[in-house]
């Protein structure tokens, strides 16, 4: 659980799979995270890393890639950037 807040559930699940944890055991380990607010986690991580909306499309793509690489979905990444004031209406969730 020390990775919660730094990684999304998808990244934690992938990490468990890569370590050879059985699917049922991994599901049981992740169940306490079911009610966790991933948008809040992603926003806090984004705030610590970037803290301001991207200035251009290249920076926006970099910020989205950062969140996705941490196991958050692209839809969550776009929601975080939209809430921060970034233009994302030309992207698909």
PDB file of N, CA and C in Angstrom:
ATOM      1  N   UNK A   1       0.815  -1.203   0.000  1.00  0.00           N
ATOM      2  CA  UNK A   1       0.000   0.000   0.000  1.00  0.00           C
ATOM      3  C   UNK A   1       0.848   1.252   0.000  1.00  0.00           C
ATOM      4  N   UNK A   2       2.162   1.111   0.150  1.00  0.00           N
ATOM      5  CA  UNK A   2       3.019   2.300   0.147  1.00  0.00           C
ATOM      6  C   UNK A   2       3.101   2.946  -1.226  1.00  0.00           C
ATOM      7  N   UNK A   3       2.637   2.264  -2.269  1.00  0.00           N
ATOM      8  CA  UNK A   3       2.687   2.823  -3.618  1.00  0.00           C
ATOM      9  C   UNK A   3       1.410   3.572  -3.971  1.00  0.00           C
ATOM     10  N   UNK A   4       0.368   3.405  -3.168  1.00  0.00           N
ATOM     11  CA  UNK A   4      -0.895   4.085  -3.422  1.00  0.00           C
ATOM     12  C   UNK A   4      -0.665   5.591  -3.335  1.00  0.00           C
ATOM     13  N   UNK A   5      -1.220   6.309  -4.283  1.00  0.00           N
ATOM     14  CA  UNK A   5      -1.022   7.754  -4.345  1.00  0.00           C
ATOM     15  C   UNK A   5       0.106   8.114  -5.284  1.00  0.00           C
ATOM     16  N   UNK A   6       1.025   7.161  -5.498  1.00  0.00           N
ATOM     17  CA  UNK A   6       2.123   7.385  -6.439  1.00  0.00           C
ATOM     18  C   UNK A   6       1.888   6.618  -7.733  1.00  0.00           C
ATOM     19  N   UNK A   7       1.036   5.600  -7.649  1.00  0.00           N
ATOM     20  CA  UNK A   7       0.702   4.790  -8.812  1.00  0.00           C
ATOM     21  C   UNK A   7      -0.798   4.546  -8.838  1.00  0.00           C
ATOM     22  N   UNK A   8      -1.344   4.455 -10.034  1.00  0.00           N
ATOM     23  CA  UNK A   8      -2.746   4.095 -10.172  1.00  0.00           C
ATOM     24  C   UNK A   8      -2.935   2.604  -9.949  1.00  0.00           C
ATOM     25  N   UNK A   9      -4.183   2.223  -9.806  1.00  0.00           N
ATOM     26  CA  UNK A   9      -4.493   0.805  -9.560  1.00  0.00           C
ATOM     27  C   UNK A   9      -3.990  -0.088 -10.693  1.00  0.00           C
ATOM     28  N   UNK A  10      -4.049   0.409 -11.928  1.00  0.00           N
ATOM     29  CA  UNK A  10      -3.595  -0.390 -13.070  1.00  0.00           C
ATOM     30  C   UNK A  10      -2.107  -0.697 -12.955  1.00  0.00           C
ATOM     31  N   UNK A  11      -1.311   0.267 -12.540  1.00  0.00           N
ATOM     32  CA  UNK A  11       0.130   0.039 -12.410  1.00  0.00           C
ATOM     33  C   UNK A  11       0.431  -0.913 -11.267  1.00  0.00           C
ATOM     34  N   UNK A  12      -0.308  -0.793 -10.189  1.00  0.00           N
ATOM     35  CA  UNK A  12      -0.100  -1.695  -9.045  1.00  0.00           C
ATOM     36  C   UNK A  12      -0.481  -3.121  -9.446  1.00  0.00           C
ATOM     37  N   UNK A  13      -1.594  -3.272 -10.163  1.00  0.00           N
ATOM     38  CA  UNK A  13      -2.016  -4.598 -10.625  1.00  0.00           C
ATOM     39  C   UNK A  13      -0.973  -5.192 -11.571  1.00  0.00           C
ATOM     40  N   UNK A  14      -0.433  -4.383 -12.473  1.00  0.00           N
ATOM     41  CA  UNK A  14       0.601  -4.846 -13.401  1.00  0.00           C
ATOM     42  C   UNK A  14       1.845  -5.294 -12.628  1.00  0.00           C
ATOM     43  N   UNK A  15       2.225  -4.506 -11.630  1.00  0.00           N
ATOM     44  CA  UNK A  15       3.389  -4.840 -10.811  1.00  0.00           C
ATOM     45  C   UNK A  15       3.190  -6.182 -10.095  1.00  0.00           C
ATOM     46  N   UNK A  16       2.006  -6.397  -9.563  1.00  0.00           N
ATOM     47  CA  UNK A  16       1.719  -7.674  -8.889  1.00  0.00           C
ATOM     48  C   UNK A  16       1.806  -8.842  -9.871  1.00  0.00           C
ATOM     49  N   UNK A  17       1.252  -8.646 -11.082  1.00  0.00           N
ATOM     50  CA  UNK A  17       1.325  -9.695 -12.116  1.00  0.00           C
ATOM     51  C   UNK A  17       2.774 -10.008 -12.461  1.00  0.00           C
ATOM     52  N   UNK A  18       3.577  -8.952 -12.646  1.00  0.00           N
ATOM     53  CA  UNK A  18       4.977  -9.144 -13.015  1.00  0.00           C
ATOM     54  C   UNK A  18       5.763  -9.857 -11.921  1.00  0.00           C
ATOM     55  N   UNK A  19       5.327  -9.730 -10.689  1.00  0.00           N
ATOM     56  CA  UNK A  19       5.987 -10.412  -9.577  1.00  0.00           C
ATOM     57  C   UNK A  19       5.472 -11.839  -9.386  1.00  0.00           C
ATOM     58  N   UNK A  20       4.554 -12.255 -10.265  1.00  0.00           N
ATOM     59  CA  UNK A  20       4.066 -13.618 -10.221  1.00  0.00           C
ATOM     60  C   UNK A  20       2.972 -13.870  -9.197  1.00  0.00           C
ATOM     61  N   UNK A  21       2.312 -12.812  -8.745  1.00  0.00           N
ATOM     62  CA  UNK A  21       1.214 -12.960  -7.788  1.00  0.00           C
ATOM     63  C   UNK A  21      -0.009 -13.500  -8.531  1.00  0.00           C
ATOM     64  N   UNK A  22      -0.630 -14.516  -8.005  1.00  0.00           N
ATOM     65  CA  UNK A  22      -1.813 -15.108  -8.633  1.00  0.00           C
ATOM     66  C   UNK A  22      -2.923 -14.064  -8.757  1.00  0.00           C
ATOM     67  N   UNK A  23      -3.717 -14.184  -9.813  1.00  0.00           N
ATOM     68  CA  UNK A  23      -4.775 -13.205 -10.098  1.00  0.00           C
ATOM     69  C   UNK A  23      -5.729 -13.034  -8.918  1.00  0.00           C
ATOM     70  N   UNK A  24      -6.136 -14.146  -8.302  1.00  0.00           N
ATOM     71  CA  UNK A  24      -7.062 -14.047  -7.167  1.00  0.00           C
ATOM     72  C   UNK A  24      -6.423 -13.323  -5.988  1.00  0.00           C
ATOM     73  N   UNK A  25      -5.150 -13.598  -5.742  1.00  0.00           N
ATOM     74  CA  UNK A  25      -4.445 -12.926  -4.645  1.00  0.00           C
ATOM     75  C   UNK A  25      -4.278 -11.438  -4.942  1.00  0.00           C
ATOM     76  N   UNK A  26      -3.967 -11.115  -6.182  1.00  0.00           N
ATOM     77  CA  UNK A  26      -3.811  -9.714  -6.576  1.00  0.00           C
ATOM     78  C   UNK A  26      -5.130  -8.969  -6.419  1.00  0.00           C
ATOM     79  N   UNK A  27      -6.228  -9.619  -6.842  1.00  0.00           N
ATOM     80  CA  UNK A  27      -7.556  -8.991  -6.728  1.00  0.00           C
ATOM     81  C   UNK A  27      -7.884  -8.718  -5.259  1.00  0.00           C
ATOM     82  N   UNK A  28      -7.567  -9.677  -4.396  1.00  0.00           N
ATOM     83  CA  UNK A  28      -7.817  -9.497  -2.963  1.00  0.00           C
ATOM     84  C   UNK A  28      -6.957  -8.362  -2.404  1.00  0.00           C
ATOM     85  N   UNK A  29      -5.723  -8.279  -2.868  1.00  0.00           N
ATOM     86  CA  UNK A  29      -4.824  -7.224  -2.391  1.00  0.00           C
ATOM     87  C   UNK A  29      -5.292  -5.842  -2.847  1.00  0.00           C
ATOM     88  N   UNK A  30      -5.891  -5.772  -4.015  1.00  0.00           N
ATOM     89  CA  UNK A  30      -6.335  -4.488  -4.567  1.00  0.00           C
ATOM     90  C   UNK A  30      -7.721  -4.075  -4.085  1.00  0.00           C
ATOM     91  N   UNK A  31      -8.482  -5.009  -3.515  1.00  0.00           N
ATOM     92  CA  UNK A  31      -9.855  -4.686  -3.124  1.00  0.00           C
ATOM     93  C   UNK A  31      -9.967  -3.507  -2.153  1.00  0.00           C
ATOM     94  N   UNK A  32      -9.015  -3.318  -1.214  1.00  0.00           N
ATOM     95  CA  UNK A  32      -9.143  -2.133  -0.346  1.00  0.00           C
ATOM     96  C   UNK A  32      -9.013  -0.812  -1.113  1.00  0.00           C
ATOM     97  N   UNK A  33      -8.479  -0.868  -2.337  1.00  0.00           N
ATOM     98  CA  UNK A  33      -8.308   0.349  -3.137  1.00  0.00           C
ATOM     99  C   UNK A  33      -9.541   0.674  -3.969  1.00  0.00           C
ATOM    100  N   UNK A  34     -10.552  -0.212  -3.936  1.00  0.00           N
ATOM    101  CA  UNK A  34     -11.725  -0.045  -4.796  1.00  0.00           C
ATOM    102  C   UNK A  34     -12.416   1.299  -4.581  1.00  0.00           C
ATOM    103  N   UNK A  35     -12.473   1.756  -3.349  1.00  0.00           N
ATOM    104  CA  UNK A  35     -13.167   3.008  -3.061  1.00  0.00           C
ATOM    105  C   UNK A  35     -12.242   4.220  -3.126  1.00  0.00           C
ATOM    106  N   UNK A  36     -11.004   4.003  -3.415  1.00  0.00           N
ATOM    107  CA  UNK A  36     -10.036   5.096  -3.449  1.00  0.00           C
ATOM    108  C   UNK A  36     -10.334   6.015  -4.635  1.00  0.00           C
ATOM    109  N   UNK A  37     -10.193   7.288  -4.446  1.00  0.00           N
ATOM    110  CA  UNK A  37     -10.474   8.285  -5.477  1.00  0.00           C
ATOM    111  C   UNK A  37      -9.231   8.467  -6.352  1.00  0.00           C
ATOM    112  N   UNK A  38      -9.212   7.788  -7.496  1.00  0.00           N
ATOM    113  CA  UNK A  38      -8.040   7.869  -8.371  1.00  0.00           C
ATOM    114  C   UNK A  38      -7.842   9.261  -8.945  1.00  0.00           C
ATOM    115  N   UNK A  39      -8.921   9.996  -9.147  1.00  0.00           N
ATOM    116  CA  UNK A  39      -8.762  11.360  -9.668  1.00  0.00           C
ATOM    117  C   UNK A  39      -8.029  12.218  -8.639  1.00  0.00           C
ATOM    118  N   UNK A  40      -8.390  12.069  -7.379  1.00  0.00           N
ATOM    119  CA  UNK A  40      -7.697  12.819  -6.325  1.00  0.00           C
ATOM    120  C   UNK A  40      -6.228  12.413  -6.248  1.00  0.00           C
ATOM    121  N   UNK A  41      -5.951  11.113  -6.349  1.00  0.00           N
ATOM    122  CA  UNK A  41      -4.562  10.641  -6.324  1.00  0.00           C
ATOM    123  C   UNK A  41      -3.779  11.192  -7.514  1.00  0.00           C
ATOM    124  N   UNK A  42      -4.399  11.115  -8.713  1.00  0.00           N
ATOM    125  CA  UNK A  42      -3.735  11.602  -9.919  1.00  0.00           C
ATOM    126  C   UNK A  42      -3.509  13.109  -9.843  1.00  0.00           C
ATOM    127  N   UNK A  43      -4.490  13.833  -9.315  1.00  0.00           N
ATOM    128  CA  UNK A  43      -4.355  15.293  -9.180  1.00  0.00           C
ATOM    129  C   UNK A  43      -3.230  15.643  -8.221  1.00  0.00           C
ATOM    130  N   UNK A  44      -3.157  14.945  -7.100  1.00  0.00           N
ATOM    131  CA  UNK A  44      -2.092  15.213  -6.123  1.00  0.00           C
ATOM    132  C   UNK A  44      -0.725  14.906  -6.723  1.00  0.00           C
ATOM    133  N   UNK A  45      -0.608  13.802  -7.456  1.00  0.00           N
ATOM    134  CA  UNK A  45       0.655  13.441  -8.087  1.00  0.00           C
ATOM    135  C   UNK A  45       1.027  14.480  -9.146  1.00  0.00           C
ATOM    136  N   UNK A  46       0.038  14.874  -9.967  1.00  0.00           N
ATOM    137  CA  UNK A  46       0.283  15.899 -10.990  1.00  0.00           C
ATOM    138  C   UNK A  46       0.733  17.211 -10.345  1.00  0.00           C
ATOM    139  N   UNK A  47       0.060  17.584  -9.253  1.00  0.00           N
ATOM    140  CA  UNK A  47       0.385  18.840  -8.561  1.00  0.00           C
ATOM    141  C   UNK A  47       1.834  18.823  -8.052  1.00  0.00           C
ATOM    142  N   UNK A  48       2.240  17.689  -7.466  1.00  0.00           N
ATOM    143  CA  UNK A  48       3.623  17.576  -6.969  1.00  0.00           C
ATOM    144  C   UNK A  48       4.635  17.630  -8.106  1.00  0.00           C
ATOM    145  N   UNK A  49       4.286  17.043  -9.238  1.00  0.00           N
ATOM    146  CA  UNK A  49       5.241  16.951 -10.352  1.00  0.00           C
ATOM    147  C   UNK A  49       5.262  18.202 -11.214  1.00  0.00           C
ATOM    148  N   UNK A  50       4.075  18.752 -11.517  1.00  0.00           N
ATOM    149  CA  UNK A  50       4.001  19.866 -12.465  1.00  0.00           C
ATOM    150  C   UNK A  50       3.480  21.149 -11.842  1.00  0.00           C
ATOM    151  N   UNK A  51       2.329  21.110 -11.202  1.00  0.00           N
ATOM    152  CA  UNK A  51       1.797  22.259 -10.494  1.00  0.00           C
ATOM    153  C   UNK A  51       1.182  23.355 -11.325  1.00  0.00           C
ATOM    154  N   UNK A  52       1.323  23.284 -12.639  1.00  0.00           N
ATOM    155  CA  UNK A  52       0.689  24.293 -13.485  1.00  0.00           C
ATOM    156  C   UNK A  52       0.295  23.669 -14.811  1.00  0.00           C
ATOM    157  N   UNK A  53      -0.764  24.212 -15.433  1.00  0.00           N
ATOM    158  CA  UNK A  53      -1.228  23.647 -16.700  1.00  0.00           C
ATOM    159  C   UNK A  53      -0.127  23.718 -17.757  1.00  0.00           C
ATOM    160  N   UNK A  54      -0.165  22.797 -18.703  1.00  0.00           N
ATOM    161  CA  UNK A  54       0.842  22.812 -19.765  1.00  0.00           C
ATOM    162  C   UNK A  54       0.729  24.065 -20.624  1.00  0.00           C
ATOM    163  N   UNK A  55       1.872  24.580 -21.030  1.00  0.00           N
ATOM    164  CA  UNK A  55       1.895  25.807 -21.827  1.00  0.00           C
ATOM    165  C   UNK A  55       1.602  25.539 -23.298  1.00  0.00           C
ATOM    166  N   UNK A  56       1.844  24.315 -23.747  1.00  0.00           N
ATOM    167  CA  UNK A  56       1.625  23.992 -25.154  1.00  0.00           C
ATOM    168  C   UNK A  56       1.261  22.519 -25.295  1.00  0.00           C
ATOM    169  N   UNK A  57       0.994  22.145 -26.534  1.00  0.00           N
ATOM    170  CA  UNK A  57       0.546  20.775 -26.800  1.00  0.00           C
ATOM    171  C   UNK A  57       1.619  19.744 -26.430  1.00  0.00           C
ATOM    172  N   UNK A  58       2.868  20.063 -26.679  1.00  0.00           N
ATOM    173  CA  UNK A  58       3.967  19.134 -26.356  1.00  0.00           C
ATOM    174  C   UNK A  58       4.035  18.872 -24.850  1.00  0.00           C
ATOM    175  N   UNK A  59       3.917  19.933 -24.068  1.00  0.00           N
ATOM    176  CA  UNK A  59       3.948  19.796 -22.606  1.00  0.00           C
ATOM    177  C   UNK A  59       2.705  19.062 -22.112  1.00  0.00           C
ATOM    178  N   UNK A  60       1.562  19.325 -22.736  1.00  0.00           N
ATOM    179  CA  UNK A  60       0.342  18.622 -22.358  1.00  0.00           C
ATOM    180  C   UNK A  60       0.514  17.124 -22.578  1.00  0.00           C
ATOM    181  N   UNK A  61       1.069  16.748 -23.725  1.00  0.00           N
ATOM    182  CA  UNK A  61       1.289  15.328 -24.023  1.00  0.00           C
ATOM    183  C   UNK A  61       2.248  14.720 -22.991  1.00  0.00           C
ATOM    184  N   UNK A  62       3.261  15.461 -22.609  1.00  0.00           N
ATOM    185  CA  UNK A  62       4.220  14.972 -21.609  1.00  0.00           C
ATOM    186  C   UNK A  62       3.537  14.734 -20.266  1.00  0.00           C
ATOM    187  N   UNK A  63       2.665  15.659 -19.868  1.00  0.00           N
ATOM    188  CA  UNK A  63       1.970  15.509 -18.592  1.00  0.00           C
ATOM    189  C   UNK A  63       1.004  14.326 -18.622  1.00  0.00           C
ATOM    190  N   UNK A  64       0.315  14.135 -19.736  1.00  0.00           N
ATOM    191  CA  UNK A  64      -0.587  12.985 -19.871  1.00  0.00           C
ATOM    192  C   UNK A  64       0.230  11.695 -19.817  1.00  0.00           C
ATOM    193  N   UNK A  65       1.344  11.639 -20.569  1.00  0.00           N
ATOM    194  CA  UNK A  65       2.197  10.432 -20.556  1.00  0.00           C
ATOM    195  C   UNK A  65       2.688  10.120 -19.157  1.00  0.00           C
ATOM    196  N   UNK A  66       3.060  11.134 -18.398  1.00  0.00           N
ATOM    197  CA  UNK A  66       3.531  10.931 -17.029  1.00  0.00           C
ATOM    198  C   UNK A  66       2.466  10.225 -16.195  1.00  0.00           C
ATOM    199  N   UNK A  67       1.230  10.733 -16.233  1.00  0.00           N
ATOM    200  CA  UNK A  67       0.157  10.123 -15.438  1.00  0.00           C
ATOM    201  C   UNK A  67      -0.171   8.717 -15.930  1.00  0.00           C
ATOM    202  N   UNK A  68      -0.210   8.524 -17.243  1.00  0.00           N
ATOM    203  CA  UNK A  68      -0.501   7.198 -17.792  1.00  0.00           C
ATOM    204  C   UNK A  68       0.609   6.223 -17.401  1.00  0.00           C
ATOM    205  N   UNK A  69       1.856   6.684 -17.414  1.00  0.00           N
ATOM    206  CA  UNK A  69       2.974   5.804 -17.040  1.00  0.00           C
ATOM    207  C   UNK A  69       2.905   5.392 -15.577  1.00  0.00           C
ATOM    208  N   UNK A  70       2.166   6.149 -14.777  1.00  0.00           N
ATOM    209  CA  UNK A  70       1.994   5.822 -13.363  1.00  0.00           C
ATOM    210  C   UNK A  70       0.751   4.975 -13.125  1.00  0.00           C
ATOM    211  N   UNK A  71       0.105   4.542 -14.220  1.00  0.00           N
ATOM    212  CA  UNK A  71      -1.002   3.607 -14.107  1.00  0.00           C
ATOM    213  C   UNK A  71      -2.383   4.223 -14.076  1.00  0.00           C
ATOM    214  N   UNK A  72      -2.477   5.525 -14.345  1.00  0.00           N
ATOM    215  CA  UNK A  72      -3.789   6.163 -14.427  1.00  0.00           C
ATOM    216  C   UNK A  72      -4.248   6.092 -15.876  1.00  0.00           C
ATOM    217  N   UNK A  73      -5.551   6.017 -16.087  1.00  0.00           N
ATOM    218  CA  UNK A  73      -6.057   5.966 -17.461  1.00  0.00           C
ATOM    219  C   UNK A  73      -5.889   7.333 -18.118  1.00  0.00           C
ATOM    220  N   UNK A  74      -5.918   7.323 -19.458  1.00  0.00           N
ATOM    221  CA  UNK A  74      -5.841   8.587 -20.196  1.00  0.00           C
ATOM    222  C   UNK A  74      -7.024   9.476 -19.834  1.00  0.00           C
ATOM    223  N   UNK A  75      -8.199   8.877 -19.632  1.00  0.00           N
ATOM    224  CA  UNK A  75      -9.387   9.664 -19.276  1.00  0.00           C
ATOM    225  C   UNK A  75      -9.163  10.406 -17.961  1.00  0.00           C
ATOM    226  N   UNK A  76      -8.561   9.744 -16.986  1.00  0.00           N
ATOM    227  CA  UNK A  76      -8.271  10.405 -15.701  1.00  0.00           C
ATOM    228  C   UNK A  76      -7.237  11.499 -15.914  1.00  0.00           C
ATOM    229  N   UNK A  77      -6.213  11.230 -16.717  1.00  0.00           N
ATOM    230  CA  UNK A  77      -5.189  12.250 -16.986  1.00  0.00           C
ATOM    231  C   UNK A  77      -5.812  13.493 -17.608  1.00  0.00           C
ATOM    232  N   UNK A  78      -6.702  13.295 -18.590  1.00  0.00           N
ATOM    233  CA  UNK A  78      -7.349  14.444 -19.229  1.00  0.00           C
ATOM    234  C   UNK A  78      -8.228  15.203 -18.242  1.00  0.00           C
ATOM    235  N   UNK A  79      -8.915  14.484 -17.367  1.00  0.00           N
ATOM    236  CA  UNK A  79      -9.760  15.156 -16.363  1.00  0.00           C
ATOM    237  C   UNK A  79      -8.910  16.005 -15.424  1.00  0.00           C
ATOM    238  N   UNK A  80      -7.752  15.484 -15.023  1.00  0.00           N
ATOM    239  CA  UNK A  80      -6.849  16.239 -14.144  1.00  0.00           C
ATOM    240  C   UNK A  80      -6.403  17.519 -14.840  1.00  0.00           C
ATOM    241  N   UNK A  81      -5.989  17.408 -16.092  1.00  0.00           N
ATOM    242  CA  UNK A  81      -5.517  18.591 -16.818  1.00  0.00           C
ATOM    243  C   UNK A  81      -6.639  19.588 -17.062  1.00  0.00           C
ATOM    244  N   UNK A  82      -7.842  19.085 -17.390  1.00  0.00           N
ATOM    245  CA  UNK A  82      -8.989  19.987 -17.571  1.00  0.00           C
ATOM    246  C   UNK A  82      -9.279  20.753 -16.286  1.00  0.00           C
ATOM    247  N   UNK A  83      -9.271  20.042 -15.165  1.00  0.00           N
ATOM    248  CA  UNK A  83      -9.548  20.687 -13.873  1.00  0.00           C
ATOM    249  C   UNK A  83      -8.482  21.728 -13.544  1.00  0.00           C
ATOM    250  N   UNK A  84      -7.276  21.530 -14.060  1.00  0.00           N
ATOM    251  CA  UNK A  84      -6.182  22.475 -13.812  1.00  0.00           C
ATOM    252  C   UNK A  84      -6.231  23.658 -14.777  1.00  0.00           C
ATOM    253  N   UNK A  85      -7.155  23.608 -15.730  1.00  0.00           N
ATOM    254  CA  UNK A  85      -7.301  24.729 -16.650  1.00  0.00           C
ATOM    255  C   UNK A  85      -6.683  24.520 -18.005  1.00  0.00           C
ATOM    256  N   UNK A  86      -6.223  23.300 -18.285  1.00  0.00           N
ATOM    257  CA  UNK A  86      -5.627  23.031 -19.592  1.00  0.00           C
ATOM    258  C   UNK A  86      -6.716  22.786 -20.620  1.00  0.00           C
ATOM    259  N   UNK A  87      -6.461  23.177 -21.850  1.00  0.00           N
ATOM    260  CA  UNK A  87      -7.390  22.900 -22.946  1.00  0.00           C
ATOM    261  C   UNK A  87      -7.217  21.449 -23.363  1.00  0.00           C
ATOM    262  N   UNK A  88      -8.285  20.668 -23.257  1.00  0.00           N
ATOM    263  CA  UNK A  88      -8.214  19.270 -23.693  1.00  0.00           C
ATOM    264  C   UNK A  88      -9.396  18.934 -24.586  1.00  0.00           C
ATOM    265  N   UNK A  89     -10.136  19.939 -25.019  1.00  0.00           N
ATOM    266  CA  UNK A  89     -11.333  19.658 -25.812  1.00  0.00           C
ATOM    267  C   UNK A  89     -11.012  19.085 -27.190  1.00  0.00           C
ATOM    268  N   UNK A  90      -9.754  19.203 -27.614  1.00  0.00           N
ATOM    269  CA  UNK A  90      -9.375  18.635 -28.904  1.00  0.00           C
ATOM    270  C   UNK A  90      -8.851  17.211 -28.759  1.00  0.00           C
ATOM    271  N   UNK A  91      -8.921  16.677 -27.547  1.00  0.00           N
ATOM    272  CA  UNK A  91      -8.485  15.290 -27.295  1.00  0.00           C
ATOM    273  C   UNK A  91      -9.688  14.436 -26.969  1.00  0.00           C
ATOM    274  N   UNK A  92      -9.538  13.153 -27.172  1.00  0.00           N
ATOM    275  CA  UNK A  92     -10.596  12.205 -26.821  1.00  0.00           C
ATOM    276  C   UNK A  92     -10.259  11.587 -25.483  1.00  0.00           C
ATOM    277  N   UNK A  93     -11.272  11.405 -24.647  1.00  0.00           N
ATOM    278  CA  UNK A  93     -11.057  10.730 -23.356  1.00  0.00           C
ATOM    279  C   UNK A  93     -10.922   9.247 -23.565  1.00  0.00           C
TER     280      UNK A  93
END
